[in-house]
């Protein structure tokens, strides 16, 4: 072992926390950290860092630096990763000092990585504060947001806790409005990346939670002096909205998904907003999401005025929205009354009502079959992801990635089908294997139906609940005689 390497190991083992930090970085730079990690003297230095990390009486900067150094080591030496994070769990019983005490953004990132692995009880508020108050370390911001996504059950919960941080966030700058807009831009960019990586459950109305976050951010600050900062903030918000839709396409059909965009629009003139929308690549993607949602609903005989309003906002001007709606009207398979609404913005005419109702009944019957098939796919997807996919990944990781994407796409389609079914008030009754009383108007029996009293469900009934609460069977259930 070279004298210089021995000296670095000795510094790591016996030096101060700062000296340990410097020695490890030098070993990594020289690509000697894997070899050093097997040295008993080096491992004694690891134990020393673990002790400092858990010592609440130690200087706050040293405690943070210890965790950051251990995090760097865990990220660099795979064999020590599990041992280090497991040993750090007891050190995280008490909340860590504020990560901004570390001057290097990379070091703050390792604090975020540790929170992601350990998930301490105090970690949610800590990571939310760190993500919002991070100045320029974008990798660090992503690390804390990724940790936050790992600790919260869904994206809505993450947006809610981030919004709570903005209640007290007022930049101490000459132009706090512009500073806030820039912070929103950076937070949204990091959040978009973290969402794409973690693929969390969306939760309940994430669009509304994002709206509240943005509303709180700008509530107590003056309007930004630099208009460009608002353009960038709008683009960042749109990128997160688009990511939400990628998580679950049914969110595209809910007008509240896009509500946060209005926070920025309200601070700009009509002309400035048009410029902002046209400059934003993410806003173009959101406009496409809304157009697809309008088209899907239109094919089901639904003219969603709220979504049309959102299209006007994201496209930048009413004339662009009208142009897009007229283009959608040319799509085959849309009833005449909805086609008329898309093309002219007019409500359905009386002469179209009867034909429209007949078309809707036919569409509902097809949608009922798709609903049953989508629920079956949900079950098969769980089996595939939990039992089949791990086996494929072991044999061929690249093939596993393709199968995972296929399953995700299937779930997105099923989710859209189920969302449309809810809008049409369609619901399944019973599940395969259940037994119930035989009703000829509701059941198709496989085999002899003479003397049948009770049946076992093979394919559930799909019924539509009308506004008066009365249910009508749209698709009969397939059943067999109960033994």
Foldseek 3Di string as FASTA:
>chain_A
DDPVLVVLLQQLQPNALVSVLVSCVVCVVVVNLQVSVVDPSSVNSLVVLLVLLQDPVDPLVSNLSSQLSLLVSCVVHVVCVVVSLVSNLNSPQDPHPQLVVDPDLSSLLSVLQSCLSNVHPPLQLNLLLNLLPPDPSLSSNLSSLLSNLSNDQALLVSLQSNLVNLLPDFDPDPFSQLVLLQSLLSSLVSNLVSCVVPLHHHPDLSLLSNLSSLCSNNVPGDHGPDLVSLLSNLLSLLSNLLSSCLSAVLVLLPLSSQNNSVSSVVSDDLVSQLVSLVPRPSLVSSLVSLLVNCLVVQLLVDRDPSSLVSNCRSNSHNVSSLVSLLVSLPDPNGQPQNSCCSNPVDGGDPVSVVVSVVSNLVVLLVLLVLLQVLVVLVVVLVCCVPPVLVVVCVVPVVVSVVVVVVSSVSNNVNSNSVSSCVVQQKDWDDDAQDKDFDDVQAEDEDDDPPPAGMWGFPGTWIWHQDPVRDIDTSGHTYTYGDD
